[in-house]
Amino acid sequence: MARLHLWLTDDAPASRWQAQAGQAFRVARSFARSPLAMLGALIILVLVVTALFAPWLAPYSPVGQNLGERLLPPSWAHWMGTDELGRDILSRVIHGTRITLLIVVMVALISAPIGLVIGAVAGYFGGWTDRVLMAITDVFLSLPKLIMALAFVAALGAGLQNAIIAIAVTSWPAYARIARAETLTFRNSEFISAVTLQGASSLRVISLHVIPLCMSSTIIRVTLDMAGIILTAAGLGFLGLGAQPPLPEWGAMISRGRSFILDQWWVATMPGFAIIVVSLGFCFLGDGLRDVLDPRQREGR
C-alpha cells in the first residue's frame, strides 16, 4: 500500500496512465475530506441501490390494494403507514426511487449534451452564430422552468415520457451559458491555434478540445441541478401531468395525500420527506464536486 501511495503521489509521473491515476487519487482524497460531500454521495448511493433492488427491498406490492388496511398509521407491519387504498407507502416510496432516478438520468443525458454543444459552438465561432444561439438561450432562460415545463407537457400530453422531454427542454440553457463562458476563456489560446494550424477542422477542435475542457463545469452544474429536476418532476406529478397512476411517483403521492394531511399526515409526509432527502443529497454532492473539480475553488483555498 505504501508503494502504491508513493506511485500515485509521485510529482514526476513516468507515464500518462500514472499521471491520470494520480490526479484521480488526489481528487478522490480531496472529495473525501468534505463530510457533507460524503453524506451526499452516501444518499445518492442508497438511492441507486434502492432503485436497482426495489422488487426485493419492498415488503409489499407498490400497486396492490387492500381496502381493509386503508389509512393505517406507521407500525411494524407498515413502517410508513398505508394510503387511502391500503397500499403500503414504504413499498411505493422504494419503487418511486426508480422513477426519480430515471427522470434525473434521462434529463441529464438529454439536456446536458445539447447545452454543452450549443454553448461550445457559440463561444468558439462568435459573431452572428453566437448572437443567434444566445438569443434563443435567453428566451428559454427568461421564463421559469416549471411554467415552461407545464406548457410543454400541456402541449405534448400528460405522462412520464413527456414530462422528461419537457424538463429536458427547459434545462439545457444553463449548460449552454456555462459552456459558452468556458469556451470564451480559451478559444484564442495557443494550443487551439496550434491545433488549427495543423489542419484540424472546426468540428474536430470543438469535439476533441473545446467540449472536453467544458466537461468539469458542466458535470458540476448537472449535479447541482438534479435537486431542481426532482422538484420540477414532483411538481408535474403533483398536478397530474407527470407519471400517471398507479405508478408510485412521489409528487403524485403527495397530491393524493393532501386530502388527508390533517388526520393521516403520513400519506403525504413520507414521499415529501423522500424528495427532501434526495434533493439534499444531490446538493451536497454537487458542492463537493465543485470544490474538487473547479480550479477557481481550489485556488481560493
C-alpha atoms as a PDB file:
ATOM      1  CA  MET A   1       0.000   0.000   0.000  1.00  0.00           C
ATOM      2  CA  ALA A   2       2.847   2.379   0.799  1.00  0.00           C
ATOM      3  CA  ARG A   3       4.412   1.803  -2.616  1.00  0.00           C
ATOM      4  CA  LEU A   4       1.045   2.363  -4.304  1.00  0.00           C
ATOM      5  CA  HIS A   5       0.596   5.617  -2.387  1.00  0.00           C
ATOM      6  CA  LEU A   6       4.038   6.818  -3.427  1.00  0.00           C
ATOM      7  CA  TRP A   7       3.324   5.812  -7.020  1.00  0.00           C
ATOM      8  CA  LEU A   8       0.058   7.769  -7.036  1.00  0.00           C
ATOM      9  CA  THR A   9       1.532  10.872  -5.390  1.00  0.00           C
ATOM     10  CA  ASP A  10       4.718  10.994  -7.462  1.00  0.00           C
ATOM     11  CA  ASP A  11       5.373  14.575  -8.631  1.00  0.00           C
ATOM     12  CA  ALA A  12       7.087  13.298 -11.797  1.00  0.00           C
ATOM     13  CA  PRO A  13       4.879  10.543 -13.264  1.00  0.00           C
ATOM     14  CA  ALA A  14       6.600   8.261 -15.739  1.00  0.00           C
ATOM     15  CA  SER A  15       3.545   7.700 -17.938  1.00  0.00           C
ATOM     16  CA  ARG A  16       0.208   9.214 -18.838  1.00  0.00           C
ATOM     17  CA  TRP A  17      -1.550   6.386 -17.013  1.00  0.00           C
ATOM     18  CA  GLN A  18       0.334   7.201 -13.795  1.00  0.00           C
ATOM     19  CA  ALA A  19      -0.486  10.907 -14.172  1.00  0.00           C
ATOM     20  CA  GLN A  20      -4.189  10.215 -14.681  1.00  0.00           C
ATOM     21  CA  ALA A  21      -4.301   7.758 -11.777  1.00  0.00           C
ATOM     22  CA  GLY A  22      -2.536  10.251  -9.532  1.00  0.00           C
ATOM     23  CA  GLN A  23      -4.931  13.021 -10.477  1.00  0.00           C
ATOM     24  CA  ALA A  24      -7.929  10.780  -9.791  1.00  0.00           C
ATOM     25  CA  PHE A  25      -6.434   9.830  -6.424  1.00  0.00           C
ATOM     26  CA  ARG A  26      -5.935  13.470  -5.427  1.00  0.00           C
ATOM     27  CA  VAL A  27      -9.478  14.362  -6.478  1.00  0.00           C
ATOM     28  CA  ALA A  28     -10.926  11.441  -4.506  1.00  0.00           C
ATOM     29  CA  ARG A  29      -8.851  12.312  -1.443  1.00  0.00           C
ATOM     30  CA  SER A  30      -9.965  15.943  -1.581  1.00  0.00           C
ATOM     31  CA  PHE A  31     -13.579  14.870  -2.017  1.00  0.00           C
ATOM     32  CA  ALA A  32     -13.362  12.504   0.974  1.00  0.00           C
ATOM     33  CA  ARG A  33     -12.277  15.384   3.230  1.00  0.00           C
ATOM     34  CA  SER A  34     -15.718  17.015   2.942  1.00  0.00           C
ATOM     35  CA  PRO A  35     -18.256  15.432   5.345  1.00  0.00           C
ATOM     36  CA  LEU A  36     -21.252  16.942   3.538  1.00  0.00           C
ATOM     37  CA  ALA A  37     -19.976  15.732   0.161  1.00  0.00           C
ATOM     38  CA  MET A  38     -19.553  12.222   1.540  1.00  0.00           C
ATOM     39  CA  LEU A  39     -23.046  12.392   3.050  1.00  0.00           C
ATOM     40  CA  GLY A  40     -24.433  13.424  -0.324  1.00  0.00           C
ATOM     41  CA  ALA A  41     -22.562  10.606  -2.068  1.00  0.00           C
ATOM     42  CA  LEU A  42     -23.928   8.140   0.508  1.00  0.00           C
ATOM     43  CA  ILE A  43     -27.506   9.340  -0.050  1.00  0.00           C
ATOM     44  CA  ILE A  44     -27.161   9.003  -3.819  1.00  0.00           C
ATOM     45  CA  LEU A  45     -25.563   5.562  -3.417  1.00  0.00           C
ATOM     46  CA  VAL A  46     -28.523   4.459  -1.275  1.00  0.00           C
ATOM     47  CA  LEU A  47     -30.889   5.874  -3.909  1.00  0.00           C
ATOM     48  CA  VAL A  48     -29.193   3.910  -6.694  1.00  0.00           C
ATOM     49  CA  VAL A  49     -29.051   0.670  -4.694  1.00  0.00           C
ATOM     50  CA  THR A  50     -32.695   1.063  -3.675  1.00  0.00           C
ATOM     51  CA  ALA A  51     -33.740   1.642  -7.280  1.00  0.00           C
ATOM     52  CA  LEU A  52     -31.791  -1.385  -8.513  1.00  0.00           C
ATOM     53  CA  PHE A  53     -33.115  -3.772  -5.859  1.00  0.00           C
ATOM     54  CA  ALA A  54     -36.566  -2.254  -5.320  1.00  0.00           C
ATOM     55  CA  PRO A  55     -38.515  -5.507  -6.003  1.00  0.00           C
ATOM     56  CA  TRP A  56     -36.515  -7.291  -3.303  1.00  0.00           C
ATOM     57  CA  LEU A  57     -36.406  -4.435  -0.780  1.00  0.00           C
ATOM     58  CA  ALA A  58     -40.095  -3.503  -0.892  1.00  0.00           C
ATOM     59  CA  PRO A  59     -42.104  -5.605   1.596  1.00  0.00           C
ATOM     60  CA  TYR A  60     -45.346  -5.307  -0.409  1.00  0.00           C
ATOM     61  CA  SER A  61     -46.513  -4.645  -3.930  1.00  0.00           C
ATOM     62  CA  PRO A  62     -46.443  -0.922  -4.791  1.00  0.00           C
ATOM     63  CA  VAL A  63     -49.814  -1.148  -6.585  1.00  0.00           C
ATOM     64  CA  GLY A  64     -51.579  -3.893  -4.631  1.00  0.00           C
ATOM     65  CA  GLN A  65     -54.698  -2.600  -2.874  1.00  0.00           C
ATOM     66  CA  ASN A  66     -56.144  -3.746   0.462  1.00  0.00           C
ATOM     67  CA  LEU A  67     -59.128  -1.636   1.457  1.00  0.00           C
ATOM     68  CA  GLY A  68     -59.285  -3.392   4.811  1.00  0.00           C
ATOM     69  CA  GLU A  69     -55.965  -1.736   5.761  1.00  0.00           C
ATOM     70  CA  ARG A  70     -56.541   1.748   4.336  1.00  0.00           C
ATOM     71  CA  LEU A  71     -55.019   4.790   6.084  1.00  0.00           C
ATOM     72  CA  LEU A  72     -53.221   2.788   8.767  1.00  0.00           C
ATOM     73  CA  PRO A  73     -50.592   4.776  10.743  1.00  0.00           C
ATOM     74  CA  PRO A  74     -46.911   3.775  10.733  1.00  0.00           C
ATOM     75  CA  SER A  75     -46.364   0.470  12.521  1.00  0.00           C
ATOM     76  CA  TRP A  76     -44.115  -2.588  12.470  1.00  0.00           C
ATOM     77  CA  ALA A  77     -46.268  -4.083   9.707  1.00  0.00           C
ATOM     78  CA  HIS A  78     -46.236  -0.875   7.629  1.00  0.00           C
ATOM     79  CA  TRP A  79     -43.274   1.313   8.563  1.00  0.00           C
ATOM     80  CA  MET A  80     -44.638   4.358   6.714  1.00  0.00           C
ATOM     81  CA  GLY A  81     -48.320   3.505   7.035  1.00  0.00           C
ATOM     82  CA  THR A  82     -50.803   2.904   4.231  1.00  0.00           C
ATOM     83  CA  ASP A  83     -52.637   5.201   1.842  1.00  0.00           C
ATOM     84  CA  GLU A  84     -56.335   5.625   1.034  1.00  0.00           C
ATOM     85  CA  LEU A  85     -56.347   2.386  -0.998  1.00  0.00           C
ATOM     86  CA  GLY A  86     -54.495   0.317   1.586  1.00  0.00           C
ATOM     87  CA  ARG A  87     -51.206   0.329  -0.336  1.00  0.00           C
ATOM     88  CA  ASP A  88     -48.003   0.199   1.666  1.00  0.00           C
ATOM     89  CA  ILE A  89     -46.372   3.648   1.453  1.00  0.00           C
ATOM     90  CA  LEU A  90     -42.852   2.349   2.130  1.00  0.00           C
ATOM     91  CA  SER A  91     -43.113  -0.018  -0.832  1.00  0.00           C
ATOM     92  CA  ARG A  92     -44.391   2.797  -3.037  1.00  0.00           C
ATOM     93  CA  VAL A  93     -41.597   5.128  -1.920  1.00  0.00           C
ATOM     94  CA  ILE A  94     -38.998   2.429  -2.607  1.00  0.00           C
ATOM     95  CA  HIS A  95     -40.346   1.770  -6.098  1.00  0.00           C
ATOM     96  CA  GLY A  96     -40.642   5.541  -6.614  1.00  0.00           C
ATOM     97  CA  THR A  97     -36.843   5.776  -6.462  1.00  0.00           C
ATOM     98  CA  ARG A  98     -36.780   4.082  -9.883  1.00  0.00           C
ATOM     99  CA  ILE A  99     -38.974   6.774 -11.402  1.00  0.00           C
ATOM    100  CA  THR A 100     -36.968   9.553  -9.750  1.00  0.00           C
ATOM    101  CA  LEU A 101     -33.641   8.110 -10.878  1.00  0.00           C
ATOM    102  CA  LEU A 102     -34.994   7.554 -14.397  1.00  0.00           C
ATOM    103  CA  ILE A 103     -36.109  11.181 -14.630  1.00  0.00           C
ATOM    104  CA  VAL A 104     -32.848  12.744 -13.433  1.00  0.00           C
ATOM    105  CA  VAL A 105     -30.664  10.456 -15.555  1.00  0.00           C
ATOM    106  CA  MET A 106     -32.685  10.915 -18.741  1.00  0.00           C
ATOM    107  CA  VAL A 107     -32.955  14.677 -18.293  1.00  0.00           C
ATOM    108  CA  ALA A 108     -29.208  14.918 -17.717  1.00  0.00           C
ATOM    109  CA  LEU A 109     -28.427  12.733 -20.736  1.00  0.00           C
ATOM    110  CA  ILE A 110     -30.690  14.829 -22.973  1.00  0.00           C
ATOM    111  CA  SER A 111     -30.209  18.401 -21.766  1.00  0.00           C
ATOM    112  CA  ALA A 112     -26.514  18.484 -20.794  1.00  0.00           C
ATOM    113  CA  PRO A 113     -25.096  17.384 -24.202  1.00  0.00           C
ATOM    114  CA  ILE A 114     -27.446  19.748 -26.041  1.00  0.00           C
ATOM    115  CA  GLY A 115     -26.468  22.718 -23.895  1.00  0.00           C
ATOM    116  CA  LEU A 116     -22.783  21.773 -23.988  1.00  0.00           C
ATOM    117  CA  VAL A 117     -22.687  21.613 -27.791  1.00  0.00           C
ATOM    118  CA  ILE A 118     -24.689  24.818 -28.286  1.00  0.00           C
ATOM    119  CA  GLY A 119     -22.538  26.753 -25.815  1.00  0.00           C
ATOM    120  CA  ALA A 120     -19.275  25.445 -27.248  1.00  0.00           C
ATOM    121  CA  VAL A 121     -20.308  26.286 -30.818  1.00  0.00           C
ATOM    122  CA  ALA A 122     -21.485  29.769 -29.828  1.00  0.00           C
ATOM    123  CA  GLY A 123     -18.324  30.553 -27.883  1.00  0.00           C
ATOM    124  CA  TYR A 124     -15.944  29.143 -30.483  1.00  0.00           C
ATOM    125  CA  PHE A 125     -17.372  30.802 -33.594  1.00  0.00           C
ATOM    126  CA  GLY A 126     -18.658  34.031 -32.023  1.00  0.00           C
ATOM    127  CA  GLY A 127     -20.206  36.648 -34.322  1.00  0.00           C
ATOM    128  CA  TRP A 128     -23.712  36.086 -35.625  1.00  0.00           C
ATOM    129  CA  THR A 129     -23.633  32.423 -34.616  1.00  0.00           C
ATOM    130  CA  ASP A 130     -23.079  33.437 -31.013  1.00  0.00           C
ATOM    131  CA  ARG A 131     -25.767  36.122 -31.152  1.00  0.00           C
ATOM    132  CA  VAL A 132     -28.415  33.841 -32.623  1.00  0.00           C
ATOM    133  CA  LEU A 133     -27.742  30.883 -30.317  1.00  0.00           C
ATOM    134  CA  MET A 134     -27.546  33.036 -27.206  1.00  0.00           C
ATOM    135  CA  ALA A 135     -30.716  34.911 -28.168  1.00  0.00           C
ATOM    136  CA  ILE A 136     -32.553  31.574 -28.277  1.00  0.00           C
ATOM    137  CA  THR A 137     -30.933  30.607 -24.986  1.00  0.00           C
ATOM    138  CA  ASP A 138     -32.009  33.868 -23.347  1.00  0.00           C
ATOM    139  CA  VAL A 139     -35.599  33.299 -24.435  1.00  0.00           C
ATOM    140  CA  PHE A 140     -35.636  29.987 -22.577  1.00  0.00           C
ATOM    141  CA  LEU A 141     -33.833  31.461 -19.559  1.00  0.00           C
ATOM    142  CA  SER A 142     -36.303  34.338 -19.275  1.00  0.00           C
ATOM    143  CA  LEU A 143     -39.166  32.030 -18.334  1.00  0.00           C
ATOM    144  CA  PRO A 144     -39.451  29.956 -15.122  1.00  0.00           C
ATOM    145  CA  LYS A 145     -38.620  26.297 -15.638  1.00  0.00           C
ATOM    146  CA  LEU A 146     -41.798  24.968 -14.069  1.00  0.00           C
ATOM    147  CA  ILE A 147     -44.026  27.248 -16.149  1.00  0.00           C
ATOM    148  CA  MET A 148     -42.267  26.201 -19.350  1.00  0.00           C
ATOM    149  CA  ALA A 149     -42.421  22.547 -18.363  1.00  0.00           C
ATOM    150  CA  LEU A 150     -46.145  22.891 -17.708  1.00  0.00           C
ATOM    151  CA  ALA A 151     -46.616  24.457 -21.135  1.00  0.00           C
ATOM    152  CA  PHE A 152     -44.696  21.690 -22.913  1.00  0.00           C
ATOM    153  CA  VAL A 153     -46.489  18.910 -21.022  1.00  0.00           C
ATOM    154  CA  ALA A 154     -49.833  20.540 -21.751  1.00  0.00           C
ATOM    155  CA  ALA A 155     -48.932  20.536 -25.449  1.00  0.00           C
ATOM    156  CA  LEU A 156     -47.469  17.021 -25.516  1.00  0.00           C
ATOM    157  CA  GLY A 157     -49.898  15.387 -23.103  1.00  0.00           C
ATOM    158  CA  ALA A 158     -49.561  14.032 -19.574  1.00  0.00           C
ATOM    159  CA  GLY A 159     -47.192  11.141 -18.974  1.00  0.00           C
ATOM    160  CA  LEU A 160     -43.756  10.245 -17.685  1.00  0.00           C
ATOM    161  CA  GLN A 161     -42.059  10.313 -21.093  1.00  0.00           C
ATOM    162  CA  ASN A 162     -43.485  13.719 -21.979  1.00  0.00           C
ATOM    163  CA  ALA A 163     -42.548  15.056 -18.550  1.00  0.00           C
ATOM    164  CA  ILE A 164     -38.929  14.006 -19.108  1.00  0.00           C
ATOM    165  CA  ILE A 165     -38.877  15.708 -22.508  1.00  0.00           C
ATOM    166  CA  ALA A 166     -40.433  18.880 -21.085  1.00  0.00           C
ATOM    167  CA  ILE A 167     -37.944  19.121 -18.212  1.00  0.00           C
ATOM    168  CA  ALA A 168     -35.014  18.429 -20.556  1.00  0.00           C
ATOM    169  CA  VAL A 169     -36.141  21.148 -22.974  1.00  0.00           C
ATOM    170  CA  THR A 170     -36.221  23.682 -20.133  1.00  0.00           C
ATOM    171  CA  SER A 171     -32.881  22.638 -18.585  1.00  0.00           C
ATOM    172  CA  TRP A 172     -30.338  22.940 -21.418  1.00  0.00           C
ATOM    173  CA  PRO A 173     -29.937  26.794 -21.496  1.00  0.00           C
ATOM    174  CA  ALA A 174     -27.970  26.901 -18.226  1.00  0.00           C
ATOM    175  CA  TYR A 175     -25.435  24.410 -19.591  1.00  0.00           C
ATOM    176  CA  ALA A 176     -25.161  26.364 -22.829  1.00  0.00           C
ATOM    177  CA  ARG A 177     -24.314  29.538 -20.917  1.00  0.00           C
ATOM    178  CA  ILE A 178     -21.657  27.783 -18.846  1.00  0.00           C
ATOM    179  CA  ALA A 179     -20.071  26.105 -21.895  1.00  0.00           C
ATOM    180  CA  ARG A 180     -20.014  29.406 -23.806  1.00  0.00           C
ATOM    181  CA  ALA A 181     -18.351  31.223 -20.905  1.00  0.00           C
ATOM    182  CA  GLU A 182     -15.733  28.489 -20.578  1.00  0.00           C
ATOM    183  CA  THR A 183     -15.080  28.465 -24.341  1.00  0.00           C
ATOM    184  CA  LEU A 184     -14.567  32.227 -24.465  1.00  0.00           C
ATOM    185  CA  THR A 185     -11.743  31.950 -21.928  1.00  0.00           C
ATOM    186  CA  PHE A 186      -9.561  29.694 -24.105  1.00  0.00           C
ATOM    187  CA  ARG A 187     -10.781  29.904 -27.718  1.00  0.00           C
ATOM    188  CA  ASN A 188      -7.825  32.206 -28.561  1.00  0.00           C
ATOM    189  CA  SER A 189      -5.321  30.137 -26.586  1.00  0.00           C
ATOM    190  CA  GLU A 190      -2.069  28.970 -28.135  1.00  0.00           C
ATOM    191  CA  PHE A 191      -2.975  25.290 -28.067  1.00  0.00           C
ATOM    192  CA  ILE A 192      -6.194  25.983 -30.000  1.00  0.00           C
ATOM    193  CA  SER A 193      -4.206  27.975 -32.563  1.00  0.00           C
ATOM    194  CA  ALA A 194      -1.625  25.183 -32.801  1.00  0.00           C
ATOM    195  CA  VAL A 195      -4.309  22.561 -33.451  1.00  0.00           C
ATOM    196  CA  THR A 196      -5.906  24.798 -36.079  1.00  0.00           C
ATOM    197  CA  LEU A 197      -2.555  25.360 -37.828  1.00  0.00           C
ATOM    198  CA  GLN A 198      -2.098  21.608 -38.034  1.00  0.00           C
ATOM    199  CA  GLY A 199      -5.177  21.491 -40.261  1.00  0.00           C
ATOM    200  CA  ALA A 200      -7.821  20.411 -37.749  1.00  0.00           C
ATOM    201  CA  SER A 201     -11.362  21.328 -38.750  1.00  0.00           C
ATOM    202  CA  SER A 202     -13.681  23.342 -36.539  1.00  0.00           C
ATOM    203  CA  LEU A 203     -15.682  20.195 -35.803  1.00  0.00           C
ATOM    204  CA  ARG A 204     -12.553  18.387 -34.637  1.00  0.00           C
ATOM    205  CA  VAL A 205     -11.405  21.301 -32.477  1.00  0.00           C
ATOM    206  CA  ILE A 206     -14.803  21.636 -30.808  1.00  0.00           C
ATOM    207  CA  SER A 207     -15.381  17.916 -30.261  1.00  0.00           C
ATOM    208  CA  LEU A 208     -11.870  16.906 -29.174  1.00  0.00           C
ATOM    209  CA  HIS A 209     -10.575  20.022 -27.424  1.00  0.00           C
ATOM    210  CA  VAL A 210     -13.281  22.548 -26.539  1.00  0.00           C
ATOM    211  CA  ILE A 211     -16.006  20.259 -25.228  1.00  0.00           C
ATOM    212  CA  PRO A 212     -13.684  18.151 -23.001  1.00  0.00           C
ATOM    213  CA  LEU A 213     -12.421  21.342 -21.339  1.00  0.00           C
ATOM    214  CA  CYS A 214     -16.008  22.356 -20.559  1.00  0.00           C
ATOM    215  CA  MET A 215     -16.953  18.982 -19.097  1.00  0.00           C
ATOM    216  CA  SER A 216     -15.953  19.590 -15.469  1.00  0.00           C
ATOM    217  CA  SER A 217     -18.073  22.737 -15.126  1.00  0.00           C
ATOM    218  CA  THR A 218     -20.983  21.026 -16.848  1.00  0.00           C
ATOM    219  CA  ILE A 219     -20.783  17.984 -14.567  1.00  0.00           C
ATOM    220  CA  ILE A 220     -20.846  20.249 -11.515  1.00  0.00           C
ATOM    221  CA  ARG A 221     -23.862  22.161 -12.790  1.00  0.00           C
ATOM    222  CA  VAL A 222     -25.704  18.956 -13.740  1.00  0.00           C
ATOM    223  CA  THR A 223     -25.214  17.547 -10.251  1.00  0.00           C
ATOM    224  CA  LEU A 224     -26.397  20.763  -8.626  1.00  0.00           C
ATOM    225  CA  ASP A 225     -29.421  20.867 -10.953  1.00  0.00           C
ATOM    226  CA  MET A 226     -30.541  17.367 -10.000  1.00  0.00           C
ATOM    227  CA  ALA A 227     -32.430  18.721  -6.989  1.00  0.00           C
ATOM    228  CA  GLY A 228     -34.283  21.200  -9.192  1.00  0.00           C
ATOM    229  CA  ILE A 229     -35.092  18.453 -11.695  1.00  0.00           C
ATOM    230  CA  ILE A 230     -36.543  16.286  -8.919  1.00  0.00           C
ATOM    231  CA  LEU A 231     -38.654  19.172  -7.620  1.00  0.00           C
ATOM    232  CA  THR A 232     -39.892  20.043 -11.110  1.00  0.00           C
ATOM    233  CA  ALA A 233     -40.811  16.413 -11.769  1.00  0.00           C
ATOM    234  CA  ALA A 234     -42.579  16.255  -8.403  1.00  0.00           C
ATOM    235  CA  GLY A 235     -44.448  19.448  -9.265  1.00  0.00           C
ATOM    236  CA  LEU A 236     -45.635  17.979 -12.559  1.00  0.00           C
ATOM    237  CA  GLY A 237     -46.646  14.779 -10.777  1.00  0.00           C
ATOM    238  CA  PHE A 238     -48.466  16.776  -8.102  1.00  0.00           C
ATOM    239  CA  LEU A 239     -50.518  18.496 -10.827  1.00  0.00           C
ATOM    240  CA  GLY A 240     -51.271  15.191 -12.533  1.00  0.00           C
ATOM    241  CA  LEU A 241     -49.082  15.903 -15.571  1.00  0.00           C
ATOM    242  CA  GLY A 242     -46.187  13.559 -14.783  1.00  0.00           C
ATOM    243  CA  ALA A 243     -46.228   9.826 -14.154  1.00  0.00           C
ATOM    244  CA  GLN A 244     -49.796   8.589 -14.177  1.00  0.00           C
ATOM    245  CA  PRO A 245     -51.489   6.299 -11.613  1.00  0.00           C
ATOM    246  CA  PRO A 246     -50.885   3.691 -10.419  1.00  0.00           C
ATOM    247  CA  LEU A 247     -47.147   4.457 -10.836  1.00  0.00           C
ATOM    248  CA  PRO A 248     -45.660   5.346  -7.413  1.00  0.00           C
ATOM    249  CA  GLU A 249     -44.310   8.788  -8.315  1.00  0.00           C
ATOM    250  CA  TRP A 250     -43.528  10.878  -5.239  1.00  0.00           C
ATOM    251  CA  GLY A 251     -45.209  14.082  -6.413  1.00  0.00           C
ATOM    252  CA  ALA A 252     -48.397  12.247  -7.325  1.00  0.00           C
ATOM    253  CA  MET A 253     -48.346  10.515  -3.928  1.00  0.00           C
ATOM    254  CA  ILE A 254     -48.188  13.889  -2.194  1.00  0.00           C
ATOM    255  CA  SER A 255     -51.066  15.141  -4.328  1.00  0.00           C
ATOM    256  CA  ARG A 256     -53.262  12.196  -3.330  1.00  0.00           C
ATOM    257  CA  GLY A 257     -52.278  12.537   0.317  1.00  0.00           C
ATOM    258  CA  ARG A 258     -53.084  16.243   0.669  1.00  0.00           C
ATOM    259  CA  SER A 259     -56.732  15.369   1.301  1.00  0.00           C
ATOM    260  CA  PHE A 260     -55.696  13.533   4.460  1.00  0.00           C
ATOM    261  CA  ILE A 261     -52.919  15.849   5.656  1.00  0.00           C
ATOM    262  CA  LEU A 262     -54.660  16.868   8.887  1.00  0.00           C
ATOM    263  CA  ASP A 263     -55.649  13.428  10.183  1.00  0.00           C
ATOM    264  CA  GLN A 264     -53.462  10.966   8.234  1.00  0.00           C
ATOM    265  CA  TRP A 265     -50.317  13.081   7.910  1.00  0.00           C
ATOM    266  CA  TRP A 266     -48.067  10.188   6.873  1.00  0.00           C
ATOM    267  CA  VAL A 267     -49.718   9.744   3.456  1.00  0.00           C
ATOM    268  CA  ALA A 268     -48.235  12.979   2.096  1.00  0.00           C
ATOM    269  CA  THR A 269     -45.344  13.437   4.524  1.00  0.00           C
ATOM    270  CA  MET A 270     -43.406  10.252   3.717  1.00  0.00           C
ATOM    271  CA  PRO A 271     -42.942  10.863  -0.041  1.00  0.00           C
ATOM    272  CA  GLY A 272     -42.266  14.534   0.724  1.00  0.00           C
ATOM    273  CA  PHE A 273     -39.527  13.508   3.128  1.00  0.00           C
ATOM    274  CA  ALA A 274     -38.014  11.284   0.419  1.00  0.00           C
ATOM    275  CA  ILE A 275     -37.941  14.230  -2.004  1.00  0.00           C
ATOM    276  CA  ILE A 276     -36.202  16.433   0.571  1.00  0.00           C
ATOM    277  CA  VAL A 277     -33.552  13.845   1.457  1.00  0.00           C
ATOM    278  CA  VAL A 278     -32.686  13.006  -2.148  1.00  0.00           C
ATOM    279  CA  SER A 279     -32.608  16.686  -3.149  1.00  0.00           C
ATOM    280  CA  LEU A 280     -30.241  17.477  -0.284  1.00  0.00           C
ATOM    281  CA  GLY A 281     -28.072  14.524  -1.301  1.00  0.00           C
ATOM    282  CA  PHE A 282     -27.618  15.923  -4.810  1.00  0.00           C
ATOM    283  CA  CYS A 283     -26.932  19.411  -3.431  1.00  0.00           C
ATOM    284  CA  PHE A 284     -24.254  18.124  -1.052  1.00  0.00           C
ATOM    285  CA  LEU A 285     -22.703  16.001  -3.801  1.00  0.00           C
ATOM    286  CA  GLY A 286     -22.693  18.937  -6.228  1.00  0.00           C
ATOM    287  CA  ASP A 287     -20.994  21.199  -3.698  1.00  0.00           C
ATOM    288  CA  GLY A 288     -18.340  18.577  -3.093  1.00  0.00           C
ATOM    289  CA  LEU A 289     -17.695  18.089  -6.815  1.00  0.00           C
ATOM    290  CA  ARG A 290     -17.440  21.853  -7.279  1.00  0.00           C
ATOM    291  CA  ASP A 291     -14.775  22.056  -4.591  1.00  0.00           C
ATOM    292  CA  VAL A 292     -12.600  19.342  -6.154  1.00  0.00           C
ATOM    293  CA  LEU A 293     -13.219  19.897  -9.880  1.00  0.00           C
ATOM    294  CA  ASP A 294     -13.380  23.692 -10.171  1.00  0.00           C
ATOM    295  CA  PRO A 295      -9.836  25.110 -10.381  1.00  0.00           C
ATOM    296  CA  ARG A 296     -11.024  28.530  -9.174  1.00  0.00           C
ATOM    297  CA  GLN A 297     -12.347  26.942  -5.985  1.00  0.00           C
ATOM    298  CA  ARG A 298      -9.017  25.181  -5.407  1.00  0.00           C
ATOM    299  CA  GLU A 299      -7.086  28.420  -5.955  1.00  0.00           C
ATOM    300  CA  GLY A 300      -9.221  30.266  -3.429  1.00  0.00           C
ATOM    301  CA  ARG A 301      -8.475  27.841  -0.599  1.00  0.00           C
END
